[in-house]
Amino acid sequence: MTVLAGSAALAVALLASGAAAEPDVDGSPDVPRLEHDCETGQEASCIQLGAALDRGLAADLPRARALLEASCQRGQAESCLALSVYLDDGGPLPPDPVAAARFAEMGCDGGVAVACGRFANAVRTGKGVPADPQRARAAYERGCALGDAHLCRWLAVLLEGGAGLPPDAVRRRALLEPLCRREDAEAPDDCVALALLCQGKDGSTPDLACAVAAWERSCSLGRASSCSLLGAGHALGRFGPVDYGSAGVYFLRACGLGDADACLGLGNLYAHGRGVARDEAEAADLFQRACEGGSAQGCGLYAEALFAGRGAACDVAGARDAWGRACALGLDAACRRLTDAGATPCPMPR
């Protein structure tokens, strides 16, 4: 579990509070004034004091901790978060994992999602508090409900099973569906997890429409492997009747994104005229792209095209090189072709 530390946590706290430290004439915060104002209950000053503590500007660490603790006890959740960070390993205060976990829980109870993540991590791993999977789940649930997508993702992973929690496919789907609809960098992975769940990966009842929609969403977000899987699914009839036209659309997108298997699949469609007009030259070009992307079968088919002059100029040396690459990639048939390819290449001029 990744948690905010040091200045990152204070940035969250300052943004949440709307506070902005007023610098002294030399650009540094007036720490004595902040301490005084915090002591009199001005919570924004307490948060600014925490920022000064993080920057190493608070000389009296015990006093700074006491003031932040008082602020936390008064219900200033951002001060609780700051304490949970600073009392963790590597913080400006002497490490105190028990207190760090306690303040993280208080910050979570006060509505700070980052604090929920810190407490969930502590109680999941038993750092400063007895390990308790159910309490960890509750903290993740709280942070997720507060809008932290990262914690929703962690919860979905934990509910796949393990970490002392039983699998919960219904709750996982409820978590993954909105995550898949997001536009952030992790959304394609969320969609893949949702697709696998809807395919019945965990033993639940398969929901093909849900799975296909999730694969399509992942593909639309730029996940090449998801586009390639959709192409193969339509070509093989896994999503209903065989649909080479749709297969070609998805293979084309995935190949453009660098997926070697998709280039191979699209090449086969052109080679056999399935869903597209037959075009041996296009097929050979796609087999070459698949080979360059690491596809053993792509190398093998490209070698055959070169050796036979099918869709490409006859090139025995090039064919042997492609067979060699295919052999090195584990294609046994290509290894055999290296030894028995003594037949006359391109027997018929093209």
Protein backbone atom coordinates (compact mmCIF):
# COMPACT_ATOMS: atom_id res chain seq x y z
CA MET A 1 0.00 0.00 0.00
CA THR A 2 1.41 3.36 -1.02
CA VAL A 3 0.73 6.10 1.51
CA LEU A 4 1.50 9.78 1.51
CA ALA A 5 4.51 10.81 3.55
CA GLY A 6 6.01 14.06 4.74
CA SER A 7 5.28 17.11 2.63
CA ALA A 8 2.84 15.22 0.39
CA ALA A 9 0.53 14.60 3.33
CA LEU A 10 0.77 18.21 4.44
CA ALA A 11 -0.06 19.36 0.93
CA VAL A 12 -3.25 17.33 1.20
CA ALA A 13 -3.97 18.83 4.60
CA LEU A 14 -3.39 22.41 3.46
CA LEU A 15 -5.56 21.95 0.41
CA ALA A 16 -8.31 20.43 2.51
CA SER A 17 -8.22 23.26 5.01
CA GLY A 18 -7.79 26.09 2.54
CA ALA A 19 -4.93 27.38 4.70
CA ALA A 20 -1.83 29.03 3.33
CA ALA A 21 1.10 29.79 5.58
CA GLU A 22 2.04 33.45 5.85
CA PRO A 23 5.83 33.74 5.60
CA ASP A 24 8.00 35.92 7.78
CA VAL A 25 10.09 38.66 6.19
CA ASP A 26 12.79 36.14 5.20
CA GLY A 27 10.28 33.83 3.55
CA SER A 28 10.12 31.34 6.43
CA PRO A 29 6.95 30.82 8.47
CA ASP A 30 6.78 32.55 11.85
CA VAL A 31 6.90 29.36 13.91
CA PRO A 32 6.44 30.99 17.34
CA ARG A 33 3.33 32.78 16.06
CA LEU A 34 2.01 29.57 14.54
CA GLU A 35 2.56 27.75 17.83
CA HIS A 36 0.74 30.49 19.71
CA ASP A 37 -2.18 30.60 17.29
CA CYS A 38 -2.44 26.81 17.21
CA GLU A 39 -2.46 26.71 21.01
CA THR A 40 -5.40 29.14 21.03
CA GLY A 41 -7.39 26.89 18.73
CA GLN A 42 -6.70 28.38 15.31
CA GLU A 43 -6.66 25.11 13.38
CA ALA A 44 -5.29 26.56 10.15
CA SER A 45 -2.21 27.61 12.12
CA CYS A 46 -1.89 24.08 13.46
CA ILE A 47 -1.79 22.74 9.93
CA GLN A 48 0.78 25.38 8.95
CA LEU A 49 2.78 24.40 12.02
CA GLY A 50 2.74 20.82 10.73
CA ALA A 51 4.12 22.06 7.40
CA ALA A 52 6.89 23.89 9.26
CA LEU A 53 7.61 20.72 11.21
CA ASP A 54 7.91 18.79 7.98
CA ARG A 55 10.42 21.34 6.67
CA GLY A 56 12.53 21.05 9.81
CA LEU A 57 11.70 24.60 10.94
CA ALA A 58 10.11 23.69 14.27
CA ALA A 59 12.93 23.52 16.82
CA ASP A 60 10.82 22.27 19.73
CA LEU A 61 9.59 18.93 18.43
CA PRO A 62 7.81 17.80 21.62
CA ARG A 63 5.88 21.09 21.73
CA ALA A 64 4.96 20.85 18.06
CA ARG A 65 3.72 17.29 18.57
CA ALA A 66 1.69 18.29 21.63
CA LEU A 67 0.04 21.15 19.75
CA LEU A 68 -0.82 18.93 16.79
CA GLU A 69 -2.19 16.28 19.13
CA ALA A 70 -4.40 18.88 20.81
CA SER A 71 -5.62 20.03 17.40
CA CYS A 72 -6.34 16.43 16.43
CA GLN A 73 -8.25 15.85 19.66
CA ARG A 74 -10.33 18.95 18.88
CA GLY A 75 -11.44 17.24 15.68
CA GLN A 76 -9.00 18.70 13.13
CA ALA A 77 -8.61 15.58 11.02
CA GLU A 78 -5.78 17.03 8.92
CA SER A 79 -3.70 17.41 12.09
CA CYS A 80 -4.35 13.75 12.85
CA LEU A 81 -3.16 12.86 9.36
CA ALA A 82 -0.02 14.94 9.78
CA LEU A 83 0.80 13.20 13.05
CA SER A 84 0.26 9.77 11.51
CA VAL A 85 2.80 10.66 8.82
CA TYR A 86 5.38 12.30 11.07
CA LEU A 87 5.31 9.50 13.63
CA ASP A 88 5.90 6.87 10.95
CA ASP A 89 9.35 5.69 9.95
CA GLY A 90 11.31 8.47 8.31
CA GLY A 91 9.21 11.31 9.69
CA PRO A 92 10.56 14.35 11.54
CA LEU A 93 9.32 13.01 14.90
CA PRO A 94 10.72 9.93 16.68
CA PRO A 95 8.98 6.87 15.19
CA ASP A 96 5.92 5.69 17.11
CA PRO A 97 3.95 3.20 14.99
CA VAL A 98 1.30 2.69 17.67
CA ALA A 99 0.53 6.40 17.84
CA ALA A 100 0.83 6.72 14.06
CA ALA A 101 -1.86 4.07 13.58
CA ARG A 102 -4.08 5.66 16.24
CA PHE A 103 -3.87 9.12 14.65
CA ALA A 104 -4.45 7.66 11.19
CA GLU A 105 -7.66 6.08 12.47
CA MET A 106 -8.74 9.39 14.03
CA GLY A 107 -8.04 11.19 10.76
CA CYS A 108 -10.07 8.58 8.90
CA ASP A 109 -12.94 8.96 11.34
CA GLY A 110 -12.71 12.70 10.69
CA GLY A 111 -13.24 12.21 6.96
CA VAL A 112 -9.73 12.33 5.48
CA ALA A 113 -9.44 9.59 2.88
CA VAL A 114 -5.62 9.55 2.91
CA ALA A 115 -5.74 8.83 6.64
CA CYS A 116 -8.07 5.91 5.95
CA GLY A 117 -5.49 4.50 3.58
CA ARG A 118 -2.75 4.82 6.16
CA PHE A 119 -4.84 3.15 8.84
CA ALA A 120 -5.97 0.39 6.47
CA ASN A 121 -2.34 -0.32 5.62
CA ALA A 122 -1.37 -0.39 9.29
CA VAL A 123 -4.14 -2.73 10.36
CA ARG A 124 -3.69 -4.94 7.30
CA THR A 125 0.02 -5.42 7.97
CA GLY A 126 -0.11 -5.25 11.76
CA LYS A 127 2.10 -2.16 12.00
CA GLY A 128 1.41 -0.44 15.32
CA VAL A 129 -1.91 -2.23 15.71
CA PRO A 130 -2.98 -5.90 15.69
CA ALA A 131 -3.56 -7.19 12.18
CA ASP A 132 -7.28 -7.42 11.49
CA PRO A 133 -8.50 -8.05 7.91
CA GLN A 134 -12.05 -6.95 8.69
CA ARG A 135 -10.93 -3.64 10.23
CA ALA A 136 -8.66 -3.14 7.22
CA ARG A 137 -11.60 -3.72 4.89
CA ALA A 138 -13.71 -1.24 6.85
CA ALA A 139 -10.99 1.41 6.53
CA TYR A 140 -10.65 0.80 2.80
CA GLU A 141 -14.43 1.01 2.47
CA ARG A 142 -14.44 4.31 4.37
CA GLY A 143 -11.66 5.81 2.23
CA CYS A 144 -13.32 4.56 -0.94
CA ALA A 145 -16.64 6.12 0.12
CA LEU A 146 -14.76 9.40 0.66
CA GLY A 147 -13.82 9.35 -3.02
CA ASP A 148 -10.30 7.90 -3.04
CA ALA A 149 -10.18 5.72 -6.15
CA HIS A 150 -6.82 4.28 -5.12
CA LEU A 151 -8.39 2.80 -2.00
CA CYS A 152 -11.33 1.45 -4.00
CA ARG A 153 -8.81 -0.37 -6.19
CA TRP A 154 -6.99 -1.82 -3.22
CA LEU A 155 -10.29 -3.00 -1.80
CA ALA A 156 -11.21 -4.67 -5.09
CA VAL A 157 -7.86 -6.50 -5.08
CA LEU A 158 -8.28 -7.68 -1.48
CA LEU A 159 -11.81 -8.92 -2.17
CA GLU A 160 -10.49 -11.19 -4.89
CA GLY A 161 -9.53 -13.45 -2.00
CA GLY A 162 -6.58 -13.74 0.32
CA ALA A 163 -5.23 -11.37 2.97
CA GLY A 164 -7.62 -13.01 5.40
CA LEU A 165 -10.75 -11.88 3.56
CA PRO A 166 -13.17 -14.16 1.69
CA PRO A 167 -13.82 -13.47 -2.01
CA ASP A 168 -16.73 -11.13 -2.66
CA ALA A 169 -17.52 -11.02 -6.37
CA VAL A 170 -20.64 -8.88 -5.96
CA ARG A 171 -18.81 -6.13 -4.07
CA ARG A 172 -15.81 -6.34 -6.42
CA ARG A 173 -18.05 -5.75 -9.42
CA ALA A 174 -19.70 -2.79 -7.68
CA LEU A 175 -16.23 -1.33 -7.09
CA LEU A 176 -14.76 -2.07 -10.51
CA GLU A 177 -17.63 -0.78 -12.65
CA PRO A 178 -17.21 2.91 -11.67
CA LEU A 179 -13.42 2.55 -11.68
CA CYS A 180 -13.58 1.26 -15.25
CA ARG A 181 -15.58 4.36 -16.24
CA ARG A 182 -12.86 6.71 -15.01
CA GLU A 183 -10.37 8.42 -17.32
CA ASP A 184 -7.23 7.97 -15.21
CA ALA A 185 -4.17 5.89 -16.03
CA GLU A 186 -5.33 2.90 -13.96
CA ALA A 187 -8.78 2.62 -15.61
CA PRO A 188 -7.66 0.16 -18.34
CA ASP A 189 -6.43 -2.25 -15.65
CA ASP A 190 -9.71 -1.82 -13.77
CA CYS A 191 -11.62 -2.69 -16.93
CA VAL A 192 -9.49 -5.80 -17.46
CA ALA A 193 -10.18 -6.89 -13.87
CA LEU A 194 -13.89 -6.29 -14.42
CA ALA A 195 -13.86 -8.25 -17.69
CA LEU A 196 -12.16 -11.23 -16.07
CA LEU A 197 -14.61 -11.10 -13.18
CA CYS A 198 -17.59 -11.01 -15.56
CA GLN A 199 -16.15 -13.95 -17.48
CA GLY A 200 -16.48 -15.98 -14.29
CA LYS A 201 -12.75 -16.12 -13.55
CA ASP A 202 -13.46 -16.48 -9.83
CA GLY A 203 -16.11 -19.14 -10.35
CA SER A 204 -19.06 -16.74 -10.36
CA THR A 205 -21.78 -16.89 -13.01
CA PRO A 206 -20.38 -15.51 -16.28
CA ASP A 207 -21.93 -12.35 -17.72
CA LEU A 208 -20.76 -12.16 -21.34
CA ALA A 209 -22.28 -8.75 -22.05
CA CYS A 210 -20.50 -7.26 -19.03
CA ALA A 211 -17.21 -8.88 -20.03
CA VAL A 212 -17.35 -7.67 -23.64
CA ALA A 213 -18.28 -4.14 -22.56
CA ALA A 214 -15.34 -4.06 -20.15
CA TRP A 215 -12.90 -5.35 -22.78
CA GLU A 216 -14.23 -2.72 -25.21
CA ARG A 217 -13.83 0.03 -22.65
CA SER A 218 -10.25 -1.07 -21.93
CA CYS A 219 -9.55 -1.15 -25.66
CA SER A 220 -11.00 2.35 -26.12
CA LEU A 221 -8.64 3.57 -23.39
CA GLY A 222 -5.65 2.32 -25.38
CA ARG A 223 -4.98 -1.12 -23.93
CA ALA A 224 -3.67 -2.97 -26.99
CA SER A 225 -3.98 -6.44 -25.48
CA SER A 226 -7.69 -5.85 -24.82
CA CYS A 227 -8.26 -4.83 -28.45
CA SER A 228 -6.38 -7.92 -29.59
CA LEU A 229 -8.44 -10.16 -27.33
CA LEU A 230 -11.63 -8.67 -28.78
CA GLY A 231 -10.35 -9.34 -32.28
CA ALA A 232 -9.59 -12.95 -31.47
CA GLY A 233 -12.92 -13.36 -29.72
CA HIS A 234 -14.88 -12.16 -32.75
CA ALA A 235 -12.73 -14.23 -35.14
CA LEU A 236 -13.26 -17.40 -33.10
CA GLY A 237 -16.93 -16.83 -32.29
CA ARG A 238 -16.41 -16.52 -28.54
CA PHE A 239 -18.80 -13.57 -28.27
CA GLY A 240 -21.49 -15.00 -30.55
CA PRO A 241 -21.40 -15.80 -34.29
CA VAL A 242 -18.03 -15.46 -35.99
CA ASP A 243 -17.60 -11.84 -37.11
CA TYR A 244 -14.45 -11.33 -39.17
CA GLY A 245 -15.38 -7.71 -39.91
CA SER A 246 -15.37 -6.78 -36.24
CA ALA A 247 -12.29 -8.92 -35.70
CA GLY A 248 -10.46 -6.89 -38.32
CA VAL A 249 -11.45 -3.59 -36.71
CA TYR A 250 -10.08 -4.63 -33.32
CA PHE A 251 -6.97 -6.29 -34.75
CA LEU A 252 -6.22 -3.13 -36.74
CA ARG A 253 -6.45 -0.94 -33.64
CA ALA A 254 -4.34 -3.30 -31.54
CA CYS A 255 -1.72 -3.74 -34.26
CA GLY A 256 -1.45 0.03 -34.53
CA LEU A 257 -0.82 0.10 -30.79
CA GLY A 258 2.04 -2.35 -31.19
CA ASP A 259 0.41 -5.69 -30.34
CA ALA A 260 2.24 -8.36 -32.34
CA ASP A 261 -0.50 -10.99 -31.97
CA ALA A 262 -3.02 -8.55 -33.41
CA CYS A 263 -0.80 -7.90 -36.43
CA LEU A 264 -0.58 -11.66 -36.90
CA GLY A 265 -4.37 -12.03 -36.63
CA LEU A 266 -5.00 -9.20 -39.10
CA GLY A 267 -2.42 -10.69 -41.46
CA ASN A 268 -4.27 -13.99 -41.44
CA LEU A 269 -7.53 -12.21 -42.29
CA TYR A 270 -5.87 -10.59 -45.32
CA ALA A 271 -4.14 -13.82 -46.32
CA HIS A 272 -7.46 -15.70 -46.44
CA GLY A 273 -9.78 -12.85 -47.41
CA ARG A 274 -11.87 -13.07 -44.26
CA GLY A 275 -13.80 -9.89 -43.55
CA VAL A 276 -11.45 -8.01 -45.91
CA ALA A 277 -10.44 -8.34 -49.55
CA ARG A 278 -7.66 -10.89 -49.94
CA ASP A 279 -4.32 -9.10 -50.18
CA GLU A 280 -1.15 -11.16 -49.95
CA ALA A 281 1.11 -8.12 -49.95
CA GLU A 282 -0.75 -6.61 -46.99
CA ALA A 283 -0.65 -9.99 -45.25
CA ALA A 284 3.12 -10.28 -45.74
CA ASP A 285 3.64 -6.77 -44.39
CA LEU A 286 1.54 -7.57 -41.32
CA PHE A 287 3.39 -10.85 -40.74
CA GLN A 288 6.65 -8.88 -40.86
CA ARG A 289 5.30 -6.41 -38.27
CA ALA A 290 4.20 -9.31 -36.08
CA CYS A 291 7.65 -10.87 -36.39
CA GLU A 292 9.37 -7.61 -35.47
CA GLY A 293 7.07 -7.45 -32.44
CA GLY A 294 8.23 -10.87 -31.21
CA SER A 295 5.59 -13.22 -32.63
CA ALA A 296 7.06 -16.61 -33.48
CA GLN A 297 4.17 -17.47 -35.80
CA GLY A 298 4.47 -14.06 -37.42
CA CYS A 299 8.14 -14.78 -38.20
CA GLY A 300 7.26 -18.21 -39.55
CA LEU A 301 4.55 -16.89 -41.86
CA TYR A 302 6.72 -14.01 -43.00
CA ALA A 303 9.49 -16.49 -43.83
CA GLU A 304 7.05 -18.56 -45.91
CA ALA A 305 5.94 -15.44 -47.77
CA LEU A 306 9.55 -14.49 -48.56
CA PHE A 307 10.53 -18.04 -49.57
CA ALA A 308 7.56 -18.42 -51.88
CA GLY A 309 7.51 -14.84 -53.12
CA ARG A 310 3.93 -14.62 -51.95
CA GLY A 311 3.03 -10.99 -51.37
CA ALA A 312 6.71 -10.07 -51.16
CA ALA A 313 9.79 -10.30 -53.35
CA CYS A 314 11.43 -13.71 -53.23
CA ASP A 315 14.22 -13.55 -50.66
CA VAL A 316 15.73 -16.86 -49.55
CA ALA A 317 18.25 -15.25 -47.21
CA GLY A 318 15.50 -13.16 -45.65
CA ALA A 319 13.30 -16.25 -45.31
CA ARG A 320 16.04 -18.15 -43.51
CA ASP A 321 16.63 -15.20 -41.21
CA ALA A 322 12.92 -15.06 -40.35
CA TRP A 323 12.80 -18.82 -39.77
CA GLY A 324 15.81 -18.44 -37.51
CA ARG A 325 14.00 -15.79 -35.47
CA ALA A 326 10.89 -17.96 -35.29
CA CYS A 327 12.97 -20.95 -34.19
CA ALA A 328 14.67 -18.87 -31.50
CA LEU A 329 11.22 -17.80 -30.31
CA GLY A 330 10.23 -21.45 -29.86
CA LEU A 331 8.43 -22.38 -33.09
CA ASP A 332 9.60 -25.96 -33.76
CA ALA A 333 8.20 -26.01 -37.29
CA ALA A 334 10.47 -23.08 -38.16
CA CYS A 335 13.49 -24.96 -36.81
CA ARG A 336 12.66 -27.85 -39.14
CA ARG A 337 12.25 -25.50 -42.10
CA LEU A 338 15.78 -24.27 -41.54
CA THR A 339 17.06 -27.76 -42.33
CA ASP A 340 14.69 -28.86 -45.10
CA ALA A 341 14.25 -25.61 -47.01
CA GLY A 342 16.42 -26.82 -49.85
CA ALA A 343 13.52 -26.82 -52.29
CA THR A 344 13.71 -24.30 -55.11
CA PRO A 345 12.27 -21.05 -53.84
CA CYS A 346 9.68 -19.14 -55.85
CA PRO A 347 9.26 -21.94 -58.46
CA MET A 348 6.77 -19.86 -60.40
CA PRO A 349 7.57 -16.24 -61.35
CA ARG A 350 5.03 -13.89 -59.90
